[in-house]
Amino acid sequence: MSRWVQAGAIDNRFEGDRVSRALEEAEIPYMIKSFLDTAYDGLYVLQKGWGRVMVPEEFYNQAERIVTEVKMFFQKEGKDEIE
């Protein structure tokens, strides 16, 4: 059984949905751990981000690249909306 490692952090639920879809298309097993906790009203989201992407160690490089690409797309998309 493989060891699971963190392939990246997610800033919000929408980014998490896009990352999930991209990893599924690449046939990479993944798990998204959310830090959103209703008991603490999202306190940890400010410190750690919305969540993190966990993948088996052998998929780390490919998954990290996908997460980075999705995050870059979100940043570009946000800049386009401001302009």
Protein backbone atom coordinates (compact mmCIF):
# COMPACT_ATOMS: atom_id res chain seq x y z
CA MET A 1 0.00 0.00 0.00
CA SER A 2 1.32 3.41 -0.99
CA ARG A 3 2.05 6.26 1.32
CA TRP A 4 -0.16 9.32 0.67
CA VAL A 5 1.48 12.73 0.35
CA GLN A 6 0.24 16.30 -0.03
CA ALA A 7 0.27 17.43 -3.66
CA GLY A 8 -0.99 20.94 -2.99
CA ALA A 9 -3.29 23.27 -1.11
CA ILE A 10 -6.72 24.44 -2.25
CA ASP A 11 -8.02 27.92 -1.59
CA ASN A 12 -11.77 27.33 -1.99
CA ARG A 13 -14.45 24.78 -2.84
CA PHE A 14 -14.60 25.76 -6.54
CA GLU A 15 -10.87 25.26 -6.94
CA GLY A 16 -11.29 21.90 -5.20
CA ASP A 17 -13.97 20.87 -7.71
CA ARG A 18 -11.73 21.77 -10.65
CA VAL A 19 -8.75 19.93 -9.15
CA SER A 20 -10.93 16.88 -8.50
CA ARG A 21 -12.16 16.84 -12.09
CA ALA A 22 -8.63 17.22 -13.49
CA LEU A 23 -7.25 14.42 -11.30
CA GLU A 24 -10.14 12.13 -12.26
CA GLU A 25 -9.47 12.79 -15.96
CA ALA A 26 -5.79 11.94 -15.41
CA GLU A 27 -6.89 8.77 -13.54
CA ILE A 28 -4.96 9.76 -10.43
CA PRO A 29 -6.36 8.51 -7.12
CA TYR A 30 -6.82 11.40 -4.72
CA MET A 31 -8.39 12.55 -1.49
CA ILE A 32 -9.26 16.12 -0.61
CA LYS A 33 -9.00 16.99 3.07
CA SER A 34 -11.04 20.08 3.88
CA PHE A 35 -10.21 22.32 6.84
CA LEU A 36 -13.72 23.80 6.81
CA ASP A 37 -15.12 23.08 10.26
CA THR A 38 -18.58 24.37 11.11
CA ALA A 39 -17.92 24.03 14.84
CA TYR A 40 -15.16 26.64 14.62
CA ASP A 41 -16.82 28.67 11.84
CA GLY A 42 -13.99 28.13 9.35
CA LEU A 43 -11.24 29.31 11.72
CA TYR A 44 -8.64 26.94 10.26
CA VAL A 45 -9.38 27.96 6.66
CA LEU A 46 -7.62 31.27 7.31
CA GLN A 47 -4.53 29.49 8.61
CA LYS A 48 -4.27 26.46 6.34
CA GLY A 49 -6.37 27.23 3.27
CA TRP A 50 -9.67 25.56 2.37
CA GLY A 51 -8.09 22.13 2.04
CA ARG A 52 -5.29 20.00 0.71
CA VAL A 53 -4.93 17.40 -2.01
CA MET A 54 -3.53 14.03 -0.99
CA VAL A 55 -2.30 11.47 -3.55
CA PRO A 56 -0.31 8.23 -3.45
CA GLU A 57 3.39 9.02 -3.47
CA GLU A 58 4.00 7.59 -6.95
CA PHE A 59 1.52 10.12 -8.44
CA TYR A 60 3.00 13.13 -6.61
CA ASN A 61 4.82 14.84 -9.51
CA GLN A 62 1.93 14.54 -11.94
CA ALA A 63 -0.67 15.59 -9.35
CA GLU A 64 1.38 18.56 -8.14
CA ARG A 65 1.65 19.81 -11.74
CA ILE A 66 -2.13 19.49 -12.21
CA VAL A 67 -2.88 21.34 -8.95
CA THR A 68 -0.46 24.12 -9.93
CA GLU A 69 -2.05 24.46 -13.38
CA VAL A 70 -5.55 24.70 -11.90
CA LYS A 71 -4.42 27.30 -9.37
CA MET A 72 -2.76 29.35 -12.13
CA PHE A 73 -5.99 29.19 -14.15
CA PHE A 74 -7.97 30.46 -11.14
CA GLN A 75 -5.51 33.33 -10.61
CA LYS A 76 -5.67 34.32 -14.28
CA GLU A 77 -9.47 34.04 -14.29
CA GLY A 78 -9.65 36.31 -11.23
CA LYS A 79 -7.43 38.95 -12.85
CA ASP A 80 -9.58 38.91 -16.00
CA GLU A 81 -12.69 39.64 -13.92
CA ILE A 82 -11.05 42.63 -12.23
CA GLU A 83 -9.94 44.26 -15.50
